[in-house]
Amino acid sequence: LIDSIFKGNVDTLLSHFFDDNGFIAFELSYDEEKYLIDILYRNKILVNVACESGYLYIDN
């Protein structure tokens, strides 16, 4: 799923999986989430986990 959306374009990945506030807007399995974090990290985009909700968000 992630590779079919990513296709080398990190902006497409961000717009598909994250909302306008930078929070993840798509439910992923644990393995998919790890893979998404890895792709983002390799593209110098850091994510963090919100303490209360446990959701991923883009860390500016």
PDB file of N, CA and C in Angstrom:
ATOM      1  N   LEU A   1       0.825  -1.197   0.000  1.00  0.00           N
ATOM      2  CA  LEU A   1       0.000   0.000   0.000  1.00  0.00           C
ATOM      3  C   LEU A   1       0.868   1.260   0.000  1.00  0.00           C
ATOM      4  N   ILE A   2       1.824   1.336   0.896  1.00  0.00           N
ATOM      5  CA  ILE A   2       2.657   2.529   1.009  1.00  0.00           C
ATOM      6  C   ILE A   2       3.466   2.740  -0.272  1.00  0.00           C
ATOM      7  N   ASP A   3       4.084   1.690  -0.789  1.00  0.00           N
ATOM      8  CA  ASP A   3       4.881   1.829  -2.012  1.00  0.00           C
ATOM      9  C   ASP A   3       4.039   2.261  -3.199  1.00  0.00           C
ATOM     10  N   SER A   4       2.797   1.770  -3.279  1.00  0.00           N
ATOM     11  CA  SER A   4       1.938   2.132  -4.402  1.00  0.00           C
ATOM     12  C   SER A   4       1.543   3.608  -4.348  1.00  0.00           C
ATOM     13  N   ILE A   5       1.546   4.196  -3.167  1.00  0.00           N
ATOM     14  CA  ILE A   5       1.240   5.616  -3.012  1.00  0.00           C
ATOM     15  C   ILE A   5       2.515   6.451  -3.136  1.00  0.00           C
ATOM     16  N   PHE A   6       3.594   5.986  -2.539  1.00  0.00           N
ATOM     17  CA  PHE A   6       4.859   6.723  -2.469  1.00  0.00           C
ATOM     18  C   PHE A   6       5.462   6.968  -3.845  1.00  0.00           C
ATOM     19  N   LYS A   7       5.782   5.932  -4.558  1.00  0.00           N
ATOM     20  CA  LYS A   7       6.376   6.004  -5.893  1.00  0.00           C
ATOM     21  C   LYS A   7       7.482   7.055  -5.996  1.00  0.00           C
ATOM     22  N   GLY A   8       8.281   7.189  -4.914  1.00  0.00           N
ATOM     23  CA  GLY A   8       9.402   8.107  -4.922  1.00  0.00           C
ATOM     24  C   GLY A   8       9.057   9.549  -4.616  1.00  0.00           C
ATOM     25  N   ASN A   9       7.779   9.859  -4.377  1.00  0.00           N
ATOM     26  CA  ASN A   9       7.369  11.241  -4.127  1.00  0.00           C
ATOM     27  C   ASN A   9       6.894  11.376  -2.684  1.00  0.00           C
ATOM     28  N   VAL A  10       7.739  11.945  -1.834  1.00  0.00           N
ATOM     29  CA  VAL A  10       7.419  12.053  -0.416  1.00  0.00           C
ATOM     30  C   VAL A  10       6.237  13.002  -0.182  1.00  0.00           C
ATOM     31  N   ASP A  11       6.061  14.005  -1.028  1.00  0.00           N
ATOM     32  CA  ASP A  11       4.928  14.924  -0.863  1.00  0.00           C
ATOM     33  C   ASP A  11       3.595  14.200  -1.029  1.00  0.00           C
ATOM     34  N   THR A  12       3.531  13.281  -1.976  1.00  0.00           N
ATOM     35  CA  THR A  12       2.322  12.485  -2.165  1.00  0.00           C
ATOM     36  C   THR A  12       2.051  11.633  -0.930  1.00  0.00           C
ATOM     37  N   LEU A  13       3.096  11.076  -0.383  1.00  0.00           N
ATOM     38  CA  LEU A  13       2.986  10.257   0.819  1.00  0.00           C
ATOM     39  C   LEU A  13       2.452  11.090   1.983  1.00  0.00           C
ATOM     40  N   LEU A  14       3.002  12.265   2.169  1.00  0.00           N
ATOM     41  CA  LEU A  14       2.570  13.141   3.256  1.00  0.00           C
ATOM     42  C   LEU A  14       1.118  13.561   3.093  1.00  0.00           C
ATOM     43  N   SER A  15       0.739  13.952   1.899  1.00  0.00           N
ATOM     44  CA  SER A  15      -0.635  14.424   1.692  1.00  0.00           C
ATOM     45  C   SER A  15      -1.646  13.298   1.833  1.00  0.00           C
ATOM     46  N   HIS A  16      -1.237  12.075   1.553  1.00  0.00           N
ATOM     47  CA  HIS A  16      -2.164  10.949   1.670  1.00  0.00           C
ATOM     48  C   HIS A  16      -2.327  10.483   3.112  1.00  0.00           C
ATOM     49  N   PHE A  17      -1.239  10.417   3.856  1.00  0.00           N
ATOM     50  CA  PHE A  17      -1.280   9.813   5.182  1.00  0.00           C
ATOM     51  C   PHE A  17      -1.427  10.797   6.342  1.00  0.00           C
ATOM     52  N   PHE A  18      -1.201  12.091   6.114  1.00  0.00           N
ATOM     53  CA  PHE A  18      -1.249  13.062   7.204  1.00  0.00           C
ATOM     54  C   PHE A  18      -2.260  14.159   6.906  1.00  0.00           C
ATOM     55  N   ASP A  19      -2.924  14.632   7.972  1.00  0.00           N
ATOM     56  CA  ASP A  19      -3.908  15.706   7.793  1.00  0.00           C
ATOM     57  C   ASP A  19      -3.209  17.071   7.758  1.00  0.00           C
ATOM     58  N   ASP A  20      -4.003  18.135   7.673  1.00  0.00           N
ATOM     59  CA  ASP A  20      -3.457  19.488   7.561  1.00  0.00           C
ATOM     60  C   ASP A  20      -2.693  19.925   8.806  1.00  0.00           C
ATOM     61  N   ASN A  21      -2.956  19.288   9.947  1.00  0.00           N
ATOM     62  CA  ASN A  21      -2.256  19.613  11.189  1.00  0.00           C
ATOM     63  C   ASN A  21      -1.010  18.771  11.393  1.00  0.00           C
ATOM     64  N   GLY A  22      -0.731  17.880  10.444  1.00  0.00           N
ATOM     65  CA  GLY A  22       0.461  17.046  10.521  1.00  0.00           C
ATOM     66  C   GLY A  22       0.275  15.736  11.258  1.00  0.00           C
ATOM     67  N   PHE A  23      -0.966  15.418  11.649  1.00  0.00           N
ATOM     68  CA  PHE A  23      -1.231  14.153  12.329  1.00  0.00           C
ATOM     69  C   PHE A  23      -1.606  13.072  11.319  1.00  0.00           C
ATOM     70  N   ILE A  24      -1.237  11.852  11.650  1.00  0.00           N
ATOM     71  CA  ILE A  24      -1.568  10.737  10.765  1.00  0.00           C
ATOM     72  C   ILE A  24      -3.085  10.623  10.659  1.00  0.00           C
ATOM     73  N   ALA A  25      -3.559  10.440   9.450  1.00  0.00           N
ATOM     74  CA  ALA A  25      -4.998  10.414   9.203  1.00  0.00           C
ATOM     75  C   ALA A  25      -5.426   9.089   8.597  1.00  0.00           C
ATOM     76  N   PHE A  26      -4.581   8.083   8.690  1.00  0.00           N
ATOM     77  CA  PHE A  26      -4.837   6.807   8.037  1.00  0.00           C
ATOM     78  C   PHE A  26      -4.420   5.708   8.997  1.00  0.00           C
ATOM     79  N   GLU A  27      -5.249   4.716   9.197  1.00  0.00           N
ATOM     80  CA  GLU A  27      -4.903   3.625  10.105  1.00  0.00           C
ATOM     81  C   GLU A  27      -3.989   2.630   9.404  1.00  0.00           C
ATOM     82  N   LEU A  28      -2.849   2.379  10.019  1.00  0.00           N
ATOM     83  CA  LEU A  28      -1.853   1.469   9.461  1.00  0.00           C
ATOM     84  C   LEU A  28      -1.529   0.374  10.469  1.00  0.00           C
ATOM     85  N   SER A  29      -1.075  -0.753   9.961  1.00  0.00           N
ATOM     86  CA  SER A  29      -0.582  -1.804  10.850  1.00  0.00           C
ATOM     87  C   SER A  29       0.736  -1.336  11.449  1.00  0.00           C
ATOM     88  N   TYR A  30       1.188  -2.022  12.470  1.00  0.00           N
ATOM     89  CA  TYR A  30       2.454  -1.665  13.123  1.00  0.00           C
ATOM     90  C   TYR A  30       3.607  -1.705  12.124  1.00  0.00           C
ATOM     91  N   ASP A  31       3.667  -2.754  11.306  1.00  0.00           N
ATOM     92  CA  ASP A  31       4.744  -2.879  10.317  1.00  0.00           C
ATOM     93  C   ASP A  31       4.669  -1.773   9.263  1.00  0.00           C
ATOM     94  N   GLU A  32       3.466  -1.433   8.819  1.00  0.00           N
ATOM     95  CA  GLU A  32       3.310  -0.354   7.842  1.00  0.00           C
ATOM     96  C   GLU A  32       3.734   0.977   8.444  1.00  0.00           C
ATOM     97  N   GLU A  33       3.387   1.186   9.706  1.00  0.00           N
ATOM     98  CA  GLU A  33       3.764   2.419  10.382  1.00  0.00           C
ATOM     99  C   GLU A  33       5.287   2.538  10.488  1.00  0.00           C
ATOM    100  N   LYS A  34       5.948   1.444  10.837  1.00  0.00           N
ATOM    101  CA  LYS A  34       7.414   1.446  10.912  1.00  0.00           C
ATOM    102  C   LYS A  34       8.020   1.763   9.549  1.00  0.00           C
ATOM    103  N   TYR A  35       7.462   1.174   8.507  1.00  0.00           N
ATOM    104  CA  TYR A  35       7.962   1.403   7.154  1.00  0.00           C
ATOM    105  C   TYR A  35       7.758   2.862   6.743  1.00  0.00           C
ATOM    106  N   LEU A  36       6.602   3.425   7.061  1.00  0.00           N
ATOM    107  CA  LEU A  36       6.322   4.824   6.762  1.00  0.00           C
ATOM    108  C   LEU A  36       7.315   5.736   7.484  1.00  0.00           C
ATOM    109  N   ILE A  37       7.572   5.468   8.752  1.00  0.00           N
ATOM    110  CA  ILE A  37       8.541   6.251   9.522  1.00  0.00           C
ATOM    111  C   ILE A  37       9.918   6.163   8.877  1.00  0.00           C
ATOM    112  N   ASP A  38      10.301   4.969   8.438  1.00  0.00           N
ATOM    113  CA  ASP A  38      11.598   4.779   7.792  1.00  0.00           C
ATOM    114  C   ASP A  38      11.711   5.605   6.515  1.00  0.00           C
ATOM    115  N   ILE A  39      10.701   5.570   5.679  1.00  0.00           N
ATOM    116  CA  ILE A  39      10.717   6.352   4.436  1.00  0.00           C
ATOM    117  C   ILE A  39      10.822   7.841   4.755  1.00  0.00           C
ATOM    118  N   LEU A  40      10.029   8.295   5.701  1.00  0.00           N
ATOM    119  CA  LEU A  40      10.064   9.708   6.060  1.00  0.00           C
ATOM    120  C   LEU A  40      11.431  10.096   6.615  1.00  0.00           C
ATOM    121  N   TYR A  41      11.993   9.264   7.461  1.00  0.00           N
ATOM    122  CA  TYR A  41      13.308   9.537   8.049  1.00  0.00           C
ATOM    123  C   TYR A  41      14.381   9.636   6.961  1.00  0.00           C
ATOM    124  N   ARG A  42      14.330   8.715   5.997  1.00  0.00           N
ATOM    125  CA  ARG A  42      15.308   8.749   4.903  1.00  0.00           C
ATOM    126  C   ARG A  42      15.162  10.002   4.048  1.00  0.00           C
ATOM    127  N   ASN A  43      13.977  10.624   4.107  1.00  0.00           N
ATOM    128  CA  ASN A  43      13.729  11.864   3.374  1.00  0.00           C
ATOM    129  C   ASN A  43      13.820  13.093   4.283  1.00  0.00           C
ATOM    130  N   LYS A  44      14.457  12.895   5.456  1.00  0.00           N
ATOM    131  CA  LYS A  44      14.706  13.972   6.417  1.00  0.00           C
ATOM    132  C   LYS A  44      13.437  14.610   6.965  1.00  0.00           C
ATOM    133  N   ILE A  45      12.392  13.805   7.107  1.00  0.00           N
ATOM    134  CA  ILE A  45      11.148  14.258   7.730  1.00  0.00           C
ATOM    135  C   ILE A  45      10.973  13.458   9.008  1.00  0.00           C
ATOM    136  N   LEU A  46      11.001  14.166  10.115  1.00  0.00           N
ATOM    137  CA  LEU A  46      10.908  13.493  11.402  1.00  0.00           C
ATOM    138  C   LEU A  46       9.469  13.459  11.893  1.00  0.00           C
ATOM    139  N   VAL A  47       9.113  12.352  12.517  1.00  0.00           N
ATOM    140  CA  VAL A  47       7.796  12.214  13.117  1.00  0.00           C
ATOM    141  C   VAL A  47       7.971  11.935  14.602  1.00  0.00           C
ATOM    142  N   ASN A  48       6.923  12.195  15.340  1.00  0.00           N
ATOM    143  CA  ASN A  48       6.909  11.955  16.767  1.00  0.00           C
ATOM    144  C   ASN A  48       5.559  11.342  17.106  1.00  0.00           C
ATOM    145  N   VAL A  49       5.390  10.962  18.361  1.00  0.00           N
ATOM    146  CA  VAL A  49       4.132  10.379  18.806  1.00  0.00           C
ATOM    147  C   VAL A  49       3.517  11.304  19.845  1.00  0.00           C
ATOM    148  N   ALA A  50       2.268  11.680  19.637  1.00  0.00           N
ATOM    149  CA  ALA A  50       1.560  12.528  20.593  1.00  0.00           C
ATOM    150  C   ALA A  50       1.338  11.744  21.885  1.00  0.00           C
ATOM    151  N   CYS A  51       1.661  12.364  22.994  1.00  0.00           N
ATOM    152  CA  CYS A  51       1.595  11.680  24.297  1.00  0.00           C
ATOM    153  C   CYS A  51       0.194  11.169  24.635  1.00  0.00           C
ATOM    154  N   GLU A  52      -0.822  12.001  24.445  1.00  0.00           N
ATOM    155  CA  GLU A  52      -2.167  11.613  24.868  1.00  0.00           C
ATOM    156  C   GLU A  52      -2.840  10.654  23.900  1.00  0.00           C
ATOM    157  N   SER A  53      -2.723  10.906  22.612  1.00  0.00           N
ATOM    158  CA  SER A  53      -3.446  10.083  21.638  1.00  0.00           C
ATOM    159  C   SER A  53      -2.636   8.903  21.140  1.00  0.00           C
ATOM    160  N   GLY A  54      -1.317   9.018  21.131  1.00  0.00           N
ATOM    161  CA  GLY A  54      -0.472   7.967  20.590  1.00  0.00           C
ATOM    162  C   GLY A  54      -0.358   8.018  19.074  1.00  0.00           C
ATOM    163  N   TYR A  55      -0.894   9.070  18.453  1.00  0.00           N
ATOM    164  CA  TYR A  55      -0.846   9.200  17.003  1.00  0.00           C
ATOM    165  C   TYR A  55       0.485   9.801  16.555  1.00  0.00           C
ATOM    166  N   LEU A  56       0.918   9.370  15.385  1.00  0.00           N
ATOM    167  CA  LEU A  56       2.100   9.962  14.774  1.00  0.00           C
ATOM    168  C   LEU A  56       1.780  11.371  14.295  1.00  0.00           C
ATOM    169  N   TYR A  57       2.784  12.234  14.354  1.00  0.00           N
ATOM    170  CA  TYR A  57       2.630  13.562  13.756  1.00  0.00           C
ATOM    171  C   TYR A  57       3.991  14.019  13.232  1.00  0.00           C
ATOM    172  N   ILE A  58       3.936  14.913  12.252  1.00  0.00           N
ATOM    173  CA  ILE A  58       5.145  15.480  11.674  1.00  0.00           C
ATOM    174  C   ILE A  58       5.749  16.417  12.712  1.00  0.00           C
ATOM    175  N   ASP A  59       7.015  16.207  13.013  1.00  0.00           N
ATOM    176  CA  ASP A  59       7.720  16.984  14.029  1.00  0.00           C
ATOM    177  C   ASP A  59       8.543  18.049  13.339  1.00  0.00           C
ATOM    178  N   ASN A  60       8.115  19.300  13.434  1.00  0.00           N
ATOM    179  CA  ASN A  60       8.824  20.393  12.765  1.00  0.00           C
ATOM    180  C   ASN A  60      10.040  20.775  13.514  1.00  0.00           C
TER     181      ASN A  60
END
